[in-house]
Protein backbone atom coordinates (compact mmCIF):
# COMPACT_ATOMS: atom_id res chain seq x y z
CA MET A 1 0.16 0.26 0.28
CA ASN A 2 1.19 3.29 -1.00
CA SER A 3 2.11 6.10 2.02
CA ILE A 4 -1.53 8.43 0.76
CA LEU A 5 -3.54 5.27 0.78
CA ALA A 6 -1.62 4.28 4.09
CA GLN A 7 -2.40 8.03 5.95
CA ALA A 8 -6.08 7.58 4.32
CA VAL A 9 -6.51 4.26 6.33
CA ASP A 10 -5.20 5.56 9.35
CA TRP A 11 -7.36 8.62 8.87
CA TYR A 12 -10.28 6.56 8.97
CA VAL A 13 -9.47 4.18 11.81
CA ARG A 14 -8.69 7.52 13.92
CA LEU A 15 -12.29 8.80 12.91
CA HIS A 16 -13.96 5.63 14.38
CA GLU A 17 -12.26 5.48 17.38
CA SER A 18 -14.74 6.31 20.32
CA THR A 19 -12.55 9.20 21.55
CA VAL A 20 -12.75 11.05 18.45
CA SER A 21 -12.44 14.55 18.70
CA GLU A 22 -13.47 17.72 16.79
CA ALA A 23 -9.60 18.93 16.65
CA THR A 24 -9.10 15.62 14.99
CA ARG A 25 -11.93 16.09 12.71
CA SER A 26 -10.59 19.84 11.79
CA GLN A 27 -6.78 18.09 11.36
CA TRP A 28 -8.88 15.13 8.64
CA GLN A 29 -10.34 17.79 6.91
CA ALA A 30 -7.32 19.95 6.48
CA TRP A 31 -5.38 16.89 5.42
CA LEU A 32 -8.46 16.01 2.79
CA ALA A 33 -7.88 19.53 1.05
CA ALA A 34 -4.34 19.73 1.18
CA ASP A 35 -3.99 17.56 -1.89
CA PRO A 36 -6.35 16.08 -4.39
CA GLN A 37 -4.56 12.76 -3.69
CA HIS A 38 -5.56 12.94 -0.51
CA ALA A 39 -9.21 13.20 -1.55
CA ALA A 40 -9.18 10.27 -4.40
CA ALA A 41 -7.13 7.80 -1.41
CA TRP A 42 -9.94 8.74 0.98
CA LYS A 43 -12.59 8.09 -2.10
CA ARG A 44 -11.31 4.49 -2.22
CA ILE A 45 -11.11 3.82 1.01
CA GLU A 46 -15.12 4.95 1.31
CA GLN A 47 -15.35 2.71 -1.91
CA LEU A 48 -14.32 -0.21 -0.05
CA GLN A 49 -16.46 -0.08 2.99
CA GLN A 50 -19.61 0.39 0.90
CA ARG A 51 -18.60 -2.21 -1.17
CA LEU A 52 -17.83 -4.46 2.00
CA THR A 53 -21.18 -4.11 2.97
CA GLN A 54 -22.15 -5.94 -0.60
CA ALA A 55 -19.83 -8.63 0.20
CA PRO A 56 -21.09 -12.10 1.31
CA SER A 57 -22.26 -11.96 5.38
CA THR A 58 -19.65 -14.20 6.33
CA LEU A 59 -16.57 -12.47 4.89
CA ALA A 60 -18.22 -8.93 6.14
CA SER A 61 -19.05 -9.80 9.63
CA SER A 62 -15.55 -11.69 10.01
CA THR A 63 -13.27 -8.78 8.25
CA LEU A 64 -14.84 -6.26 10.61
CA GLU A 65 -15.06 -8.15 13.92
CA ARG A 66 -10.95 -8.31 13.19
CA ALA A 67 -11.11 -4.70 12.39
CA ARG A 68 -12.79 -3.72 16.10
CA HIS A 69 -9.47 -5.44 17.75
CA GLY A 70 -7.75 -2.47 17.71
CA ARG A 71 -5.86 0.23 15.20
CA ARG A 72 -2.88 -2.39 13.80
CA ALA A 73 -5.66 -4.98 13.03
CA THR A 74 -7.48 -2.64 11.30
CA LEU A 75 -5.01 -1.57 9.41
CA LYS A 76 -3.97 -4.70 8.30
CA THR A 77 -7.04 -5.78 7.35
CA PHE A 78 -8.04 -2.87 5.67
CA ALA A 79 -4.22 -2.88 3.58
CA LEU A 80 -4.99 -6.86 2.98
CA LEU A 81 -8.00 -5.60 1.22
CA LEU A 82 -6.69 -3.29 -0.91
CA GLY A 83 -3.89 -4.92 -2.13
CA ALA A 84 -6.37 -7.80 -3.31
CA GLY A 85 -8.81 -5.50 -4.91
CA VAL A 86 -11.90 -4.16 -3.42
CA LEU A 87 -13.93 -6.32 -5.91
CA GLY A 88 -12.17 -9.29 -5.00
CA TRP A 89 -14.75 -11.41 -2.88
CA GLN A 90 -17.58 -10.54 -5.51
CA GLY A 91 -15.94 -12.89 -7.77
CA TYR A 92 -14.91 -10.60 -10.10
CA GLN A 93 -11.92 -12.06 -11.44
CA ALA A 94 -9.61 -9.00 -12.76
CA SER A 95 -8.83 -6.09 -11.26
CA PRO A 96 -10.71 -2.94 -11.75
CA TRP A 97 -7.64 -0.92 -12.23
CA ARG A 98 -6.72 -2.41 -15.32
CA ALA A 99 -8.60 -2.31 -18.89
CA ASP A 100 -8.40 -2.96 -22.54
CA TYR A 101 -10.12 1.26 -22.56
CA ALA A 102 -10.22 3.72 -20.11
CA THR A 103 -11.11 7.02 -19.04
CA ARG A 104 -10.32 9.23 -16.31
CA VAL A 105 -12.75 11.34 -13.64
CA GLY A 106 -13.99 13.75 -16.34
CA GLN A 107 -12.70 12.13 -19.02
CA ARG A 108 -14.94 10.64 -21.90
CA ARG A 109 -14.04 8.91 -24.89
CA SER A 110 -15.60 7.35 -27.84
CA LEU A 111 -14.33 4.68 -29.68
CA SER A 112 -14.98 2.31 -32.51
CA LEU A 113 -14.85 -1.44 -32.14
CA ALA A 114 -13.21 -4.40 -34.37
CA ASP A 115 -16.77 -5.41 -35.46
CA GLY A 116 -17.75 -1.51 -36.49
CA SER A 117 -19.59 -0.95 -33.11
CA ARG A 118 -19.58 2.49 -31.04
CA LEU A 119 -18.21 2.51 -27.43
CA VAL A 120 -18.87 5.61 -25.77
CA LEU A 121 -16.82 5.62 -22.28
CA ASP A 122 -18.62 7.93 -19.40
CA THR A 123 -16.18 9.30 -16.85
CA ASP A 124 -14.29 7.24 -14.70
CA THR A 125 -14.86 4.17 -16.51
CA ARG A 126 -12.96 0.73 -17.43
CA VAL A 127 -13.61 -2.19 -19.73
CA ASP A 128 -12.29 -5.07 -21.62
CA VAL A 129 -12.85 -6.05 -24.98
CA ARG A 130 -12.80 -10.12 -25.90
CA PHE A 131 -14.36 -10.55 -29.89
CA ASP A 132 -13.83 -14.14 -31.09
CA GLN A 133 -15.05 -16.46 -33.78
CA GLN A 134 -18.36 -17.09 -31.30
CA GLN A 135 -18.81 -13.67 -29.91
CA ARG A 136 -18.68 -10.27 -29.02
CA LEU A 137 -18.21 -9.94 -25.25
CA ILE A 138 -17.85 -6.03 -23.59
CA ILE A 139 -16.89 -6.44 -20.22
CA LEU A 140 -17.31 -3.07 -17.77
CA ARG A 141 -15.49 -3.07 -14.65
CA GLN A 142 -16.34 0.14 -14.04
CA GLY A 143 -18.13 2.98 -14.74
CA GLU A 144 -20.97 3.73 -17.83
CA ILE A 145 -20.58 2.86 -21.40
CA LEU A 146 -22.95 3.83 -24.01
CA VAL A 147 -22.95 0.99 -26.91
CA GLU A 148 -24.39 1.26 -30.85
CA THR A 149 -24.20 -2.48 -32.22
CA ALA A 150 -22.45 -3.10 -35.84
CA LYS A 151 -24.81 -5.97 -37.63
CA ASP A 152 -22.72 -8.89 -37.23
CA ALA A 153 -23.51 -12.76 -37.03
CA ARG A 154 -21.61 -13.03 -33.91
CA PRO A 155 -24.06 -11.92 -30.42
CA LEU A 156 -22.72 -9.16 -28.87
CA SER A 157 -23.23 -9.07 -25.16
CA VAL A 158 -22.33 -6.66 -22.12
CA GLN A 159 -20.98 -8.70 -18.99
CA SER A 160 -20.88 -6.56 -15.71
CA GLY A 161 -20.36 -7.89 -11.92
CA GLU A 162 -24.07 -8.50 -11.89
CA GLY A 163 -24.48 -10.45 -15.15
CA ARG A 164 -25.01 -10.09 -18.81
CA ILE A 165 -26.68 -7.64 -21.49
CA LEU A 166 -27.46 -9.42 -25.00
CA ALA A 167 -28.01 -7.15 -27.29
CA LEU A 168 -30.78 -7.56 -29.86
CA GLY A 169 -29.77 -5.07 -32.50
CA THR A 170 -29.54 -1.90 -30.37
CA ARG A 171 -28.14 1.28 -28.53
CA PHE A 172 -28.21 1.07 -24.94
CA THR A 173 -26.03 2.60 -21.81
CA VAL A 174 -25.14 0.35 -18.94
CA ARG A 175 -23.96 1.84 -15.79
CA GLN A 176 -22.26 -0.55 -13.26
CA GLY A 177 -22.93 0.69 -9.80
CA ASP A 178 -21.59 -0.73 -5.73
CA GLY A 179 -23.59 -4.22 -6.14
CA VAL A 180 -26.10 -3.14 -9.13
CA THR A 181 -26.17 -2.65 -12.70
CA ARG A 182 -28.63 0.01 -14.66
CA VAL A 183 -29.62 -0.45 -18.38
CA SER A 184 -31.08 1.41 -20.12
CA VAL A 185 -32.05 0.91 -23.83
CA GLU A 186 -32.63 4.15 -27.36
CA ALA A 187 -33.24 1.71 -29.71
CA HIS A 188 -34.41 -1.39 -30.24
CA ALA A 189 -34.41 -4.02 -27.09
CA VAL A 190 -31.71 -6.20 -25.08
CA GLU A 191 -32.09 -8.95 -22.57
CA VAL A 192 -30.53 -9.25 -19.09
CA ARG A 193 -29.63 -12.18 -17.36
CA PRO A 194 -28.31 -12.05 -13.51
CA ARG A 195 -25.21 -13.64 -12.74
CA LEU A 196 -26.43 -16.44 -10.34
CA ALA A 197 -30.21 -16.76 -11.59
CA THR A 198 -29.19 -17.31 -15.53
CA ALA A 199 -33.21 -18.50 -16.08
CA GLN A 200 -34.44 -14.70 -14.91
CA ALA A 201 -34.07 -13.39 -18.84
CA VAL A 202 -35.82 -10.08 -18.94
CA ARG A 203 -36.49 -7.85 -22.14
CA VAL A 204 -36.00 -4.63 -21.88
CA ASP A 205 -37.29 -2.64 -25.14
CA ALA A 206 -36.48 1.19 -26.57
CA GLY A 207 -37.28 3.27 -24.10
CA HIS A 208 -37.06 1.80 -20.62
CA THR A 209 -34.49 0.65 -18.27
CA LEU A 210 -34.47 -2.03 -15.23
CA SER A 211 -31.49 -2.14 -12.64
CA PHE A 212 -30.42 -5.60 -11.45
CA ALA A 213 -28.22 -7.39 -8.82
CA ALA A 214 -26.54 -11.09 -9.25
CA ASP A 215 -29.72 -12.44 -7.97
CA ARG A 216 -32.67 -10.36 -9.09
CA VAL A 217 -33.72 -8.24 -11.71
CA GLY A 218 -35.48 -5.27 -10.89
CA PRO A 219 -38.74 -4.10 -12.23
CA VAL A 220 -38.86 -2.31 -16.20
CA GLN A 221 -39.44 1.22 -16.02
CA ARG A 222 -39.50 4.13 -17.93
CA ALA A 223 -36.46 5.82 -18.82
CA PRO A 224 -35.74 9.03 -17.40
CA ALA A 225 -35.66 11.34 -20.10
CA GLN A 226 -32.02 11.95 -21.92
CA ALA A 227 -30.32 9.34 -19.94
CA SER A 228 -27.68 9.20 -22.48
CA ALA A 229 -27.13 12.88 -22.64
CA TRP A 230 -23.46 12.28 -21.00
CA THR A 231 -22.40 11.67 -24.17
CA ARG A 232 -22.95 15.12 -25.24
CA GLY A 233 -21.21 16.59 -21.87
CA LEU A 234 -24.84 17.39 -20.63
CA LEU A 235 -26.42 16.76 -17.23
CA VAL A 236 -30.48 16.40 -17.57
CA ALA A 237 -32.02 17.00 -14.74
CA ILE A 238 -35.88 17.13 -14.24
CA ASP A 239 -37.30 17.14 -10.08
CA TRP A 240 -34.42 16.30 -8.81
CA ARG A 241 -33.18 16.83 -5.30
CA LEU A 242 -30.12 18.63 -4.89
CA GLN A 243 -28.27 15.98 -3.10
CA ASP A 244 -29.25 13.31 -6.20
CA LEU A 245 -27.56 16.20 -8.10
CA LEU A 246 -24.45 17.01 -6.60
CA THR A 247 -24.03 13.03 -6.19
CA GLU A 248 -23.91 12.66 -10.10
CA LEU A 249 -21.99 16.16 -10.70
CA SER A 250 -19.32 14.52 -8.30
CA ARG A 251 -18.56 11.55 -10.41
CA TYR A 252 -17.02 14.25 -12.74
CA ARG A 253 -14.63 16.09 -10.52
CA HIS A 254 -11.97 15.23 -8.20
CA GLY A 255 -12.26 15.64 -4.23
CA TYR A 256 -15.41 15.80 -2.15
CA LEU A 257 -18.46 17.51 -3.23
CA GLY A 258 -21.90 17.09 -0.86
CA CYS A 259 -24.16 19.16 0.73
CA ALA A 260 -25.93 19.26 4.35
CA ALA A 261 -28.51 17.62 5.12
CA ASP A 262 -30.58 20.41 5.66
CA VAL A 263 -30.81 21.50 1.68
CA ALA A 264 -30.30 18.07 0.57
CA ASP A 265 -34.35 17.48 -0.42
CA LEU A 266 -34.22 21.10 -2.44
CA ARG A 267 -35.58 20.35 -6.07
CA LEU A 268 -34.62 21.64 -9.21
CA SER A 269 -34.31 20.89 -12.85
CA GLY A 270 -32.34 21.92 -15.71
CA THR A 271 -29.44 21.16 -17.84
CA PHE A 272 -25.73 21.62 -16.68
CA LEU A 273 -22.86 21.02 -18.75
CA LEU A 274 -20.26 18.44 -16.97
CA ASP A 275 -17.43 19.74 -18.31
CA ASP A 276 -18.15 22.63 -15.94
CA SER A 277 -18.69 21.67 -12.96
CA GLU A 278 -17.96 25.19 -11.28
CA ALA A 279 -20.37 27.50 -13.30
CA VAL A 280 -23.08 24.24 -12.13
CA LEU A 281 -22.04 25.43 -8.58
CA ALA A 282 -22.32 29.17 -9.45
CA ASN A 283 -25.50 28.37 -11.02
CA LEU A 284 -26.44 26.63 -7.69
CA GLU A 285 -25.79 29.12 -5.54
CA ALA A 286 -27.45 31.79 -7.81
CA SER A 287 -31.07 29.92 -7.96
CA LEU A 288 -30.97 28.17 -4.68
CA PRO A 289 -31.41 29.47 -0.80
CA VAL A 290 -27.75 27.93 -0.85
CA GLN A 291 -23.70 28.94 -0.32
CA LEU A 292 -20.70 27.08 -1.16
CA ARG A 293 -18.55 26.31 1.83
CA ARG A 294 -14.85 25.27 0.22
CA VAL A 295 -11.97 24.55 1.87
CA THR A 296 -9.90 23.82 -1.30
CA ARG A 297 -11.18 23.48 -4.77
CA TYR A 298 -11.16 19.92 -4.08
CA TRP A 299 -13.53 20.18 -1.44
CA VAL A 300 -16.61 21.99 -1.49
CA ARG A 301 -20.05 21.76 1.05
CA VAL A 302 -23.72 23.23 -0.34
CA GLU A 303 -24.88 24.62 2.70
CA SER A 304 -28.20 27.11 3.86
CA ARG A 305 -27.41 30.32 2.93
CA THR A 306 -27.29 32.68 6.10
CA VAL A 307 -28.90 35.77 6.31
């Protein structure tokens, strides 16, 4: 584990001690704001915690139990899990940090595959492509993609951590979340099969979306308007909560972006430029009863405007 990641783990342990003080919290915030690499390391720790809750109960409980025995045990536990890769317990064999094609935070990428299909990668996305004589397979390791299939006798599928999506001559998006995959279809249809319940094949037609876990499929619903607007650098929100907007916007920038609980449920609609998150934040401050609290450009919190 590198030194910055080790520091993040140490801060995590200190913040979860029963005797943690406000002075310690302030020191942590100063450390977080001092360098974007600190914020990135902290985000990785948070992702590990979130994904640990998705792990099988026996692994999660034993891991957390070892961590409770003390600071040294916690540091060792985190080091082992981070070194093994945060998806190791989900049976997802390849490392999420290596892929055939990838984008950085805030970057998008469009490319043509060997069969003529078009693949667009959203922010912080990693994919592998496996084409052979029998099939065309796109493995989504992380993030979100848009697929426009080309005509070919071989079936084209997208594999996520939760299962497979078979394209039925189509244009669709797939997003890999924490223990859940969301697919939205813009043209024709796809067939979804969860990894642990392959008999549950569900067809999703154009204009519809669904989310599925490894062992179950959620209901088919109408897709939100402009679901693939991100391919054009846009975020379209229709009656969204402020918290949800900031969560989505934070995917496109480094560091921490959040809001206070008393403004989280403010509603808003609009079209926002993903490539200029600072302009989006300025617009929020001008149109809502909120103000921005900045520690650095990498730590921003939206709070209720004071009189």
